[in-house]
Amino acid sequence: MDKFFIVFPKTIDEALEKLIPVLTLKEKTKIVNMPEKDLAHLKTSLGFFIHSEFRLWGNDPLINACKKFASENNLLYDEPLMVIIWALWKKLQSLNLLRVVK
């Protein structure tokens, strides 16, 4: 069982450390320039990737980190995905490197 926790992220920061390098510059730019209200559109693409790559259901440490981050003890099926997607969006914004100049 210990090998599981070596491979899969246990925290949101660990998830972002694994997620950001696999995104292309184009994907990062698209995400960072999305309005917050549109982040839910990423559930079917990026959310599926997060769910499968991080084994989200069954990865109790990461689910618990999402609950703590959201200050919510009961998260519905897709809510942990949205917590990670929102954290990714905020992280990319803080990098301040990917803004489209108009």
PDB file of N, CA and C in Angstrom:
ATOM      1  N   MET A   1       0.809  -1.192   0.000  1.00  0.00           N
ATOM      2  CA  MET A   1       0.000   0.000   0.000  1.00  0.00           C
ATOM      3  C   MET A   1       0.857   1.261   0.000  1.00  0.00           C
ATOM      4  N   ASP A   2       2.059   1.226   0.556  1.00  0.00           N
ATOM      5  CA  ASP A   2       2.910   2.408   0.591  1.00  0.00           C
ATOM      6  C   ASP A   2       3.289   2.887  -0.808  1.00  0.00           C
ATOM      7  N   LYS A   3       3.423   1.979  -1.762  1.00  0.00           N
ATOM      8  CA  LYS A   3       3.790   2.364  -3.127  1.00  0.00           C
ATOM      9  C   LYS A   3       2.730   3.268  -3.746  1.00  0.00           C
ATOM     10  N   PHE A   4       1.465   3.045  -3.403  1.00  0.00           N
ATOM     11  CA  PHE A   4       0.373   3.864  -3.926  1.00  0.00           C
ATOM     12  C   PHE A   4       0.622   5.336  -3.614  1.00  0.00           C
ATOM     13  N   PHE A   5       1.004   5.624  -2.402  1.00  0.00           N
ATOM     14  CA  PHE A   5       1.160   7.003  -1.974  1.00  0.00           C
ATOM     15  C   PHE A   5       2.457   7.632  -2.459  1.00  0.00           C
ATOM     16  N   ILE A   6       3.383   6.838  -2.955  1.00  0.00           N
ATOM     17  CA  ILE A   6       4.595   7.380  -3.564  1.00  0.00           C
ATOM     18  C   ILE A   6       4.267   7.889  -4.967  1.00  0.00           C
ATOM     19  N   VAL A   7       3.422   7.178  -5.681  1.00  0.00           N
ATOM     20  CA  VAL A   7       3.099   7.492  -7.066  1.00  0.00           C
ATOM     21  C   VAL A   7       2.070   8.615  -7.175  1.00  0.00           C
ATOM     22  N   PHE A   8       1.048   8.579  -6.357  1.00  0.00           N
ATOM     23  CA  PHE A   8      -0.055   9.514  -6.484  1.00  0.00           C
ATOM     24  C   PHE A   8       0.082  10.674  -5.492  1.00  0.00           C
ATOM     25  N   PRO A   9      -0.319  11.870  -5.907  1.00  0.00           N
ATOM     26  CA  PRO A   9      -0.190  13.016  -5.015  1.00  0.00           C
ATOM     27  C   PRO A   9      -1.113  12.896  -3.806  1.00  0.00           C
ATOM     28  N   LYS A  10      -0.623  13.399  -2.681  1.00  0.00           N
ATOM     29  CA  LYS A  10      -1.407  13.369  -1.444  1.00  0.00           C
ATOM     30  C   LYS A  10      -1.969  14.741  -1.112  1.00  0.00           C
ATOM     31  N   THR A  11      -1.432  15.775  -1.736  1.00  0.00           N
ATOM     32  CA  THR A  11      -1.880  17.139  -1.466  1.00  0.00           C
ATOM     33  C   THR A  11      -2.192  17.839  -2.784  1.00  0.00           C
ATOM     34  N   ILE A  12      -2.857  18.956  -2.679  1.00  0.00           N
ATOM     35  CA  ILE A  12      -3.152  19.735  -3.883  1.00  0.00           C
ATOM     36  C   ILE A  12      -1.861  20.261  -4.495  1.00  0.00           C
ATOM     37  N   ASP A  13      -0.926  20.709  -3.666  1.00  0.00           N
ATOM     38  CA  ASP A  13       0.359  21.192  -4.196  1.00  0.00           C
ATOM     39  C   ASP A  13       1.098  20.099  -4.952  1.00  0.00           C
ATOM     40  N   GLU A  14       1.097  18.882  -4.413  1.00  0.00           N
ATOM     41  CA  GLU A  14       1.739  17.760  -5.111  1.00  0.00           C
ATOM     42  C   GLU A  14       1.021  17.477  -6.427  1.00  0.00           C
ATOM     43  N   ALA A  15      -0.294  17.567  -6.428  1.00  0.00           N
ATOM     44  CA  ALA A  15      -1.062  17.346  -7.656  1.00  0.00           C
ATOM     45  C   ALA A  15      -0.683  18.383  -8.708  1.00  0.00           C
ATOM     46  N   LEU A  16      -0.556  19.641  -8.290  1.00  0.00           N
ATOM     47  CA  LEU A  16      -0.180  20.696  -9.232  1.00  0.00           C
ATOM     48  C   LEU A  16       1.238  20.509  -9.737  1.00  0.00           C
ATOM     49  N   GLU A  17       2.138  20.049  -8.867  1.00  0.00           N
ATOM     50  CA  GLU A  17       3.516  19.785  -9.287  1.00  0.00           C
ATOM     51  C   GLU A  17       3.580  18.704 -10.366  1.00  0.00           C
ATOM     52  N   LYS A  18       2.666  17.750 -10.310  1.00  0.00           N
ATOM     53  CA  LYS A  18       2.635  16.692 -11.321  1.00  0.00           C
ATOM     54  C   LYS A  18       1.852  17.123 -12.557  1.00  0.00           C
ATOM     55  N   LEU A  19       0.862  17.988 -12.368  1.00  0.00           N
ATOM     56  CA  LEU A  19      -0.026  18.372 -13.452  1.00  0.00           C
ATOM     57  C   LEU A  19       0.560  19.450 -14.364  1.00  0.00           C
ATOM     58  N   ILE A  20       1.139  20.474 -13.797  1.00  0.00           N
ATOM     59  CA  ILE A  20       1.626  21.608 -14.591  1.00  0.00           C
ATOM     60  C   ILE A  20       2.650  21.199 -15.654  1.00  0.00           C
ATOM     61  N   PRO A  21       3.612  20.347 -15.343  1.00  0.00           N
ATOM     62  CA  PRO A  21       4.592  19.986 -16.381  1.00  0.00           C
ATOM     63  C   PRO A  21       4.013  19.206 -17.573  1.00  0.00           C
ATOM     64  N   VAL A  22       2.882  18.544 -17.412  1.00  0.00           N
ATOM     65  CA  VAL A  22       2.335  17.775 -18.537  1.00  0.00           C
ATOM     66  C   VAL A  22       1.408  18.608 -19.418  1.00  0.00           C
ATOM     67  N   LEU A  23       1.061  19.797 -18.968  1.00  0.00           N
ATOM     68  CA  LEU A  23       0.229  20.679 -19.784  1.00  0.00           C
ATOM     69  C   LEU A  23       1.109  21.423 -20.783  1.00  0.00           C
ATOM     70  N   THR A  24       0.603  21.577 -21.984  1.00  0.00           N
ATOM     71  CA  THR A  24       1.328  22.347 -22.990  1.00  0.00           C
ATOM     72  C   THR A  24       1.201  23.837 -22.680  1.00  0.00           C
ATOM     73  N   LEU A  25       2.049  24.630 -23.280  1.00  0.00           N
ATOM     74  CA  LEU A  25       1.960  26.078 -23.111  1.00  0.00           C
ATOM     75  C   LEU A  25       0.596  26.585 -23.577  1.00  0.00           C
ATOM     76  N   LYS A  26       0.107  26.024 -24.657  1.00  0.00           N
ATOM     77  CA  LYS A  26      -1.205  26.418 -25.185  1.00  0.00           C
ATOM     78  C   LYS A  26      -2.304  26.110 -24.167  1.00  0.00           C
ATOM     79  N   GLU A  27      -2.256  24.931 -23.540  1.00  0.00           N
ATOM     80  CA  GLU A  27      -3.263  24.564 -22.540  1.00  0.00           C
ATOM     81  C   GLU A  27      -3.178  25.473 -21.313  1.00  0.00           C
ATOM     82  N   LYS A  28      -1.967  25.739 -20.851  1.00  0.00           N
ATOM     83  CA  LYS A  28      -1.788  26.621 -19.699  1.00  0.00           C
ATOM     84  C   LYS A  28      -2.318  28.016 -20.003  1.00  0.00           C
ATOM     85  N   THR A  29      -2.012  28.517 -21.191  1.00  0.00           N
ATOM     86  CA  THR A  29      -2.470  29.849 -21.587  1.00  0.00           C
ATOM     87  C   THR A  29      -3.994  29.892 -21.647  1.00  0.00           C
ATOM     88  N   LYS A  30      -4.603  28.854 -22.187  1.00  0.00           N
ATOM     89  CA  LYS A  30      -6.063  28.790 -22.275  1.00  0.00           C
ATOM     90  C   LYS A  30      -6.676  28.809 -20.875  1.00  0.00           C
ATOM     91  N   ILE A  31      -6.122  28.010 -19.972  1.00  0.00           N
ATOM     92  CA  ILE A  31      -6.666  27.917 -18.615  1.00  0.00           C
ATOM     93  C   ILE A  31      -6.514  29.240 -17.875  1.00  0.00           C
ATOM     94  N   VAL A  32      -5.339  29.826 -17.912  1.00  0.00           N
ATOM     95  CA  VAL A  32      -5.084  31.052 -17.142  1.00  0.00           C
ATOM     96  C   VAL A  32      -5.939  32.215 -17.636  1.00  0.00           C
ATOM     97  N   ASN A  33      -6.309  32.202 -18.890  1.00  0.00           N
ATOM     98  CA  ASN A  33      -7.102  33.297 -19.448  1.00  0.00           C
ATOM     99  C   ASN A  33      -8.600  33.041 -19.409  1.00  0.00           C
ATOM    100  N   MET A  34      -9.017  31.911 -18.855  1.00  0.00           N
ATOM    101  CA  MET A  34     -10.439  31.602 -18.707  1.00  0.00           C
ATOM    102  C   MET A  34     -11.039  32.401 -17.564  1.00  0.00           C
ATOM    103  N   PRO A  35     -12.259  32.880 -17.746  1.00  0.00           N
ATOM    104  CA  PRO A  35     -12.947  33.452 -16.589  1.00  0.00           C
ATOM    105  C   PRO A  35     -13.250  32.325 -15.587  1.00  0.00           C
ATOM    106  N   GLU A  36     -13.256  32.654 -14.322  1.00  0.00           N
ATOM    107  CA  GLU A  36     -13.481  31.642 -13.287  1.00  0.00           C
ATOM    108  C   GLU A  36     -14.774  30.864 -13.525  1.00  0.00           C
ATOM    109  N   LYS A  37     -15.804  31.540 -13.994  1.00  0.00           N
ATOM    110  CA  LYS A  37     -17.097  30.882 -14.209  1.00  0.00           C
ATOM    111  C   LYS A  37     -17.040  29.797 -15.288  1.00  0.00           C
ATOM    112  N   ASP A  38     -16.030  29.835 -16.154  1.00  0.00           N
ATOM    113  CA  ASP A  38     -15.907  28.856 -17.234  1.00  0.00           C
ATOM    114  C   ASP A  38     -15.046  27.644 -16.871  1.00  0.00           C
ATOM    115  N   LEU A  39     -14.467  27.629 -15.689  1.00  0.00           N
ATOM    116  CA  LEU A  39     -13.594  26.516 -15.303  1.00  0.00           C
ATOM    117  C   LEU A  39     -14.322  25.177 -15.307  1.00  0.00           C
ATOM    118  N   ALA A  40     -15.622  25.194 -15.058  1.00  0.00           N
ATOM    119  CA  ALA A  40     -16.400  23.949 -15.048  1.00  0.00           C
ATOM    120  C   ALA A  40     -16.351  23.235 -16.395  1.00  0.00           C
ATOM    121  N   HIS A  41     -16.094  23.977 -17.454  1.00  0.00           N
ATOM    122  CA  HIS A  41     -15.990  23.359 -18.790  1.00  0.00           C
ATOM    123  C   HIS A  41     -14.795  22.412 -18.895  1.00  0.00           C
ATOM    124  N   LEU A  42     -13.854  22.538 -17.980  1.00  0.00           N
ATOM    125  CA  LEU A  42     -12.658  21.685 -18.013  1.00  0.00           C
ATOM    126  C   LEU A  42     -12.883  20.317 -17.377  1.00  0.00           C
ATOM    127  N   LYS A  43     -14.044  20.120 -16.749  1.00  0.00           N
ATOM    128  CA  LYS A  43     -14.301  18.842 -16.065  1.00  0.00           C
ATOM    129  C   LYS A  43     -14.236  17.649 -17.011  1.00  0.00           C
ATOM    130  N   THR A  44     -14.714  17.812 -18.229  1.00  0.00           N
ATOM    131  CA  THR A  44     -14.774  16.659 -19.135  1.00  0.00           C
ATOM    132  C   THR A  44     -13.435  16.313 -19.763  1.00  0.00           C
ATOM    133  N   SER A  45     -12.523  17.258 -19.814  1.00  0.00           N
ATOM    134  CA  SER A  45     -11.207  16.969 -20.401  1.00  0.00           C
ATOM    135  C   SER A  45     -10.149  16.868 -19.309  1.00  0.00           C
ATOM    136  N   LEU A  46      -9.791  17.980 -18.740  1.00  0.00           N
ATOM    137  CA  LEU A  46      -8.770  18.007 -17.694  1.00  0.00           C
ATOM    138  C   LEU A  46      -9.233  17.231 -16.462  1.00  0.00           C
ATOM    139  N   GLY A  47     -10.513  17.332 -16.148  1.00  0.00           N
ATOM    140  CA  GLY A  47     -11.056  16.610 -15.001  1.00  0.00           C
ATOM    141  C   GLY A  47     -10.919  15.106 -15.152  1.00  0.00           C
ATOM    142  N   PHE A  48     -11.169  14.613 -16.348  1.00  0.00           N
ATOM    143  CA  PHE A  48     -11.004  13.175 -16.601  1.00  0.00           C
ATOM    144  C   PHE A  48      -9.555  12.764 -16.417  1.00  0.00           C
ATOM    145  N   PHE A  49      -8.646  13.582 -16.910  1.00  0.00           N
ATOM    146  CA  PHE A  49      -7.213  13.303 -16.760  1.00  0.00           C
ATOM    147  C   PHE A  49      -6.830  13.259 -15.283  1.00  0.00           C
ATOM    148  N   ILE A  50      -7.256  14.256 -14.524  1.00  0.00           N
ATOM    149  CA  ILE A  50      -6.958  14.311 -13.091  1.00  0.00           C
ATOM    150  C   ILE A  50      -7.526  13.090 -12.388  1.00  0.00           C
ATOM    151  N   HIS A  51      -8.770  12.784 -12.689  1.00  0.00           N
ATOM    152  CA  HIS A  51      -9.432  11.641 -12.049  1.00  0.00           C
ATOM    153  C   HIS A  51      -8.676  10.334 -12.315  1.00  0.00           C
ATOM    154  N   SER A  52      -8.286  10.112 -13.551  1.00  0.00           N
ATOM    155  CA  SER A  52      -7.642   8.848 -13.883  1.00  0.00           C
ATOM    156  C   SER A  52      -6.170   8.799 -13.484  1.00  0.00           C
ATOM    157  N   GLU A  53      -5.439   9.878 -13.694  1.00  0.00           N
ATOM    158  CA  GLU A  53      -4.008   9.875 -13.394  1.00  0.00           C
ATOM    159  C   GLU A  53      -3.709   9.885 -11.902  1.00  0.00           C
ATOM    160  N   PHE A  54      -4.546  10.562 -11.135  1.00  0.00           N
ATOM    161  CA  PHE A  54      -4.315  10.667  -9.693  1.00  0.00           C
ATOM    162  C   PHE A  54      -5.163   9.685  -8.907  1.00  0.00           C
ATOM    163  N   ARG A  55      -5.931   8.830  -9.634  1.00  0.00           N
ATOM    164  CA  ARG A  55      -6.819   7.847  -8.995  1.00  0.00           C
ATOM    165  C   ARG A  55      -7.608   8.526  -7.884  1.00  0.00           C
ATOM    166  N   LEU A  56      -8.278   9.601  -8.282  1.00  0.00           N
ATOM    167  CA  LEU A  56      -8.898  10.495  -7.315  1.00  0.00           C
ATOM    168  C   LEU A  56      -9.791   9.760  -6.320  1.00  0.00           C
ATOM    169  N   TRP A  57     -10.688   8.907  -6.808  1.00  0.00           N
ATOM    170  CA  TRP A  57     -11.523   8.142  -5.879  1.00  0.00           C
ATOM    171  C   TRP A  57     -10.746   6.906  -5.486  1.00  0.00           C
ATOM    172  N   GLY A  58     -10.341   6.880  -4.251  1.00  0.00           N
ATOM    173  CA  GLY A  58      -9.458   5.848  -3.736  1.00  0.00           C
ATOM    174  C   GLY A  58      -8.179   6.478  -3.212  1.00  0.00           C
ATOM    175  N   ASN A  59      -7.933   7.723  -3.587  1.00  0.00           N
ATOM    176  CA  ASN A  59      -6.779   8.465  -3.099  1.00  0.00           C
ATOM    177  C   ASN A  59      -7.271   9.350  -1.945  1.00  0.00           C
ATOM    178  N   ASP A  60      -7.495   8.715  -0.811  1.00  0.00           N
ATOM    179  CA  ASP A  60      -8.072   9.414   0.336  1.00  0.00           C
ATOM    180  C   ASP A  60      -7.266  10.629   0.791  1.00  0.00           C
ATOM    181  N   PRO A  61      -5.934  10.573   0.801  1.00  0.00           N
ATOM    182  CA  PRO A  61      -5.198  11.771   1.211  1.00  0.00           C
ATOM    183  C   PRO A  61      -5.494  12.991   0.317  1.00  0.00           C
ATOM    184  N   LEU A  62      -5.593  12.771  -0.995  1.00  0.00           N
ATOM    185  CA  LEU A  62      -5.876  13.884  -1.901  1.00  0.00           C
ATOM    186  C   LEU A  62      -7.323  14.351  -1.742  1.00  0.00           C
ATOM    187  N   ILE A  63      -8.246  13.444  -1.592  1.00  0.00           N
ATOM    188  CA  ILE A  63      -9.644  13.818  -1.359  1.00  0.00           C
ATOM    189  C   ILE A  63      -9.749  14.634  -0.074  1.00  0.00           C
ATOM    190  N   ASN A  64      -9.066  14.185   0.974  1.00  0.00           N
ATOM    191  CA  ASN A  64      -9.093  14.920   2.246  1.00  0.00           C
ATOM    192  C   ASN A  64      -8.468  16.303   2.104  1.00  0.00           C
ATOM    193  N   ALA A  65      -7.409  16.412   1.300  1.00  0.00           N
ATOM    194  CA  ALA A  65      -6.791  17.719   1.048  1.00  0.00           C
ATOM    195  C   ALA A  65      -7.778  18.638   0.323  1.00  0.00           C
ATOM    196  N   CYS A  66      -8.538  18.077  -0.613  1.00  0.00           N
ATOM    197  CA  CYS A  66      -9.550  18.866  -1.331  1.00  0.00           C
ATOM    198  C   CYS A  66     -10.644  19.323  -0.379  1.00  0.00           C
ATOM    199  N   LYS A  67     -11.062  18.441   0.516  1.00  0.00           N
ATOM    200  CA  LYS A  67     -12.088  18.795   1.504  1.00  0.00           C
ATOM    201  C   LYS A  67     -11.595  19.923   2.403  1.00  0.00           C
ATOM    202  N   LYS A  68     -10.358  19.810   2.847  1.00  0.00           N
ATOM    203  CA  LYS A  68      -9.784  20.829   3.721  1.00  0.00           C
ATOM    204  C   LYS A  68      -9.670  22.162   2.984  1.00  0.00           C
ATOM    205  N   PHE A  69      -9.189  22.121   1.758  1.00  0.00           N
ATOM    206  CA  PHE A  69      -9.033  23.326   0.947  1.00  0.00           C
ATOM    207  C   PHE A  69     -10.374  24.017   0.727  1.00  0.00           C
ATOM    208  N   ALA A  70     -11.412  23.212   0.484  1.00  0.00           N
ATOM    209  CA  ALA A  70     -12.751  23.745   0.215  1.00  0.00           C
ATOM    210  C   ALA A  70     -13.536  24.028   1.497  1.00  0.00           C
ATOM    211  N   SER A  71     -12.954  23.687   2.644  1.00  0.00           N
ATOM    212  CA  SER A  71     -13.646  23.819   3.937  1.00  0.00           C
ATOM    213  C   SER A  71     -15.002  23.120   3.905  1.00  0.00           C
ATOM    214  N   GLU A  72     -14.992  21.921   3.344  1.00  0.00           N
ATOM    215  CA  GLU A  72     -16.223  21.155   3.173  1.00  0.00           C
ATOM    216  C   GLU A  72     -15.929  19.684   3.455  1.00  0.00           C
ATOM    217  N   ASN A  73     -16.665  19.089   4.388  1.00  0.00           N
ATOM    218  CA  ASN A  73     -16.430  17.681   4.725  1.00  0.00           C
ATOM    219  C   ASN A  73     -17.013  16.705   3.721  1.00  0.00           C
ATOM    220  N   ASN A  74     -18.049  17.103   3.027  1.00  0.00           N
ATOM    221  CA  ASN A  74     -18.691  16.220   2.055  1.00  0.00           C
ATOM    222  C   ASN A  74     -18.641  16.857   0.679  1.00  0.00           C
ATOM    223  N   LEU A  75     -17.786  16.323  -0.176  1.00  0.00           N
ATOM    224  CA  LEU A  75     -17.706  16.815  -1.544  1.00  0.00           C
ATOM    225  C   LEU A  75     -18.400  15.822  -2.461  1.00  0.00           C
ATOM    226  N   LEU A  76     -19.198  16.328  -3.385  1.00  0.00           N
ATOM    227  CA  LEU A  76     -19.855  15.483  -4.361  1.00  0.00           C
ATOM    228  C   LEU A  76     -18.839  14.970  -5.371  1.00  0.00           C
ATOM    229  N   TYR A  77     -19.281  14.096  -6.247  1.00  0.00           N
ATOM    230  CA  TYR A  77     -18.403  13.378  -7.167  1.00  0.00           C
ATOM    231  C   TYR A  77     -17.382  14.263  -7.879  1.00  0.00           C
ATOM    232  N   ASP A  78     -17.841  15.351  -8.494  1.00  0.00           N
ATOM    233  CA  ASP A  78     -16.915  16.155  -9.300  1.00  0.00           C
ATOM    234  C   ASP A  78     -16.304  17.336  -8.546  1.00  0.00           C
ATOM    235  N   GLU A  79     -16.694  17.553  -7.327  1.00  0.00           N
ATOM    236  CA  GLU A  79     -16.185  18.711  -6.590  1.00  0.00           C
ATOM    237  C   GLU A  79     -14.680  18.645  -6.294  1.00  0.00           C
ATOM    238  N   PRO A  80     -14.101  17.490  -5.939  1.00  0.00           N
ATOM    239  CA  PRO A  80     -12.642  17.463  -5.775  1.00  0.00           C
ATOM    240  C   PRO A  80     -11.907  17.830  -7.074  1.00  0.00           C
ATOM    241  N   LEU A  81     -12.457  17.419  -8.206  1.00  0.00           N
ATOM    242  CA  LEU A  81     -11.861  17.806  -9.494  1.00  0.00           C
ATOM    243  C   LEU A  81     -11.842  19.318  -9.632  1.00  0.00           C
ATOM    244  N   MET A  82     -12.959  19.944  -9.279  1.00  0.00           N
ATOM    245  CA  MET A  82     -13.056  21.389  -9.414  1.00  0.00           C
ATOM    246  C   MET A  82     -12.140  22.111  -8.438  1.00  0.00           C
ATOM    247  N   VAL A  83     -11.923  21.538  -7.266  1.00  0.00           N
ATOM    248  CA  VAL A  83     -10.987  22.126  -6.309  1.00  0.00           C
ATOM    249  C   VAL A  83      -9.589  22.149  -6.927  1.00  0.00           C
ATOM    250  N   ILE A  84      -9.182  21.043  -7.532  1.00  0.00           N
ATOM    251  CA  ILE A  84      -7.849  20.955  -8.144  1.00  0.00           C
ATOM    252  C   ILE A  84      -7.755  21.871  -9.365  1.00  0.00           C
ATOM    253  N   ILE A  85      -8.799  21.894 -10.190  1.00  0.00           N
ATOM    254  CA  ILE A  85      -8.802  22.759 -11.373  1.00  0.00           C
ATOM    255  C   ILE A  85      -8.728  24.229 -10.949  1.00  0.00           C
ATOM    256  N   TRP A  86      -9.486  24.610  -9.928  1.00  0.00           N
ATOM    257  CA  TRP A  86      -9.452  25.986  -9.460  1.00  0.00           C
ATOM    258  C   TRP A  86      -8.069  26.328  -8.907  1.00  0.00           C
ATOM    259  N   ALA A  87      -7.485  25.404  -8.148  1.00  0.00           N
ATOM    260  CA  ALA A  87      -6.142  25.632  -7.594  1.00  0.00           C
ATOM    261  C   ALA A  87      -5.116  25.767  -8.726  1.00  0.00           C
ATOM    262  N   LEU A  88      -5.271  24.969  -9.776  1.00  0.00           N
ATOM    263  CA  LEU A  88      -4.393  25.078 -10.947  1.00  0.00           C
ATOM    264  C   LEU A  88      -4.545  26.451 -11.592  1.00  0.00           C
ATOM    265  N   TRP A  89      -5.764  26.885 -11.780  1.00  0.00           N
ATOM    266  CA  TRP A  89      -6.051  28.190 -12.372  1.00  0.00           C
ATOM    267  C   TRP A  89      -5.391  29.307 -11.567  1.00  0.00           C
ATOM    268  N   LYS A  90      -5.546  29.256 -10.236  1.00  0.00           N
ATOM    269  CA  LYS A  90      -4.932  30.276  -9.372  1.00  0.00           C
ATOM    270  C   LYS A  90      -3.402  30.214  -9.434  1.00  0.00           C
ATOM    271  N   LYS A  91      -2.852  29.008  -9.447  1.00  0.00           N
ATOM    272  CA  LYS A  91      -1.400  28.832  -9.508  1.00  0.00           C
ATOM    273  C   LYS A  91      -0.843  29.408 -10.810  1.00  0.00           C
ATOM    274  N   LEU A  92      -1.495  29.091 -11.925  1.00  0.00           N
ATOM    275  CA  LEU A  92      -1.041  29.606 -13.219  1.00  0.00           C
ATOM    276  C   LEU A  92      -1.132  31.125 -13.257  1.00  0.00           C
ATOM    277  N   GLN A  93      -2.163  31.690 -12.648  1.00  0.00           N
ATOM    278  CA  GLN A  93      -2.282  33.146 -12.597  1.00  0.00           C
ATOM    279  C   GLN A  93      -1.151  33.761 -11.782  1.00  0.00           C
ATOM    280  N   SER A  94      -0.767  33.076 -10.714  1.00  0.00           N
ATOM    281  CA  SER A  94       0.300  33.618  -9.859  1.00  0.00           C
ATOM    282  C   SER A  94       1.667  33.591 -10.552  1.00  0.00           C
ATOM    283  N   LEU A  95       1.820  32.728 -11.542  1.00  0.00           N
ATOM    284  CA  LEU A  95       3.075  32.682 -12.293  1.00  0.00           C
ATOM    285  C   LEU A  95       3.245  33.911 -13.170  1.00  0.00           C
ATOM    286  N   ASN A  96       2.108  34.529 -13.541  1.00  0.00           N
ATOM    287  CA  ASN A  96       2.106  35.791 -14.263  1.00  0.00           C
ATOM    288  C   ASN A  96       2.912  35.736 -15.552  1.00  0.00           C
ATOM    289  N   LEU A  97       2.946  34.584 -16.173  1.00  0.00           N
ATOM    290  CA  LEU A  97       3.731  34.427 -17.397  1.00  0.00           C
ATOM    291  C   LEU A  97       2.878  34.178 -18.627  1.00  0.00           C
ATOM    292  N   LEU A  98       1.626  33.880 -18.450  1.00  0.00           N
ATOM    293  CA  LEU A  98       0.839  33.345 -19.546  1.00  0.00           C
ATOM    294  C   LEU A  98      -0.346  34.221 -19.943  1.00  0.00           C
ATOM    295  N   ARG A  99      -0.321  35.461 -19.623  1.00  0.00           N
ATOM    296  CA  ARG A  99      -1.436  36.355 -19.960  1.00  0.00           C
ATOM    297  C   ARG A  99      -1.377  36.729 -21.440  1.00  0.00           C
ATOM    298  N   VAL A 100      -2.538  36.701 -22.070  1.00  0.00           N
ATOM    299  CA  VAL A 100      -2.646  37.147 -23.446  1.00  0.00           C
ATOM    300  C   VAL A 100      -2.689  38.667 -23.441  1.00  0.00           C
ATOM    301  N   VAL A 101      -1.826  39.279 -24.227  1.00  0.00           N
ATOM    302  CA  VAL A 101      -1.783  40.729 -24.327  1.00  0.00           C
ATOM    303  C   VAL A 101      -2.666  41.149 -25.479  1.00  0.00           C
ATOM    304  N   LYS A 102      -3.594  42.067 -25.197  1.00  0.00           N
ATOM    305  CA  LYS A 102      -4.521  42.516 -26.260  1.00  0.00           C
ATOM    306  C   LYS A 102      -4.136  43.884 -26.748  1.00  0.00           C
TER     307      LYS A 102
END
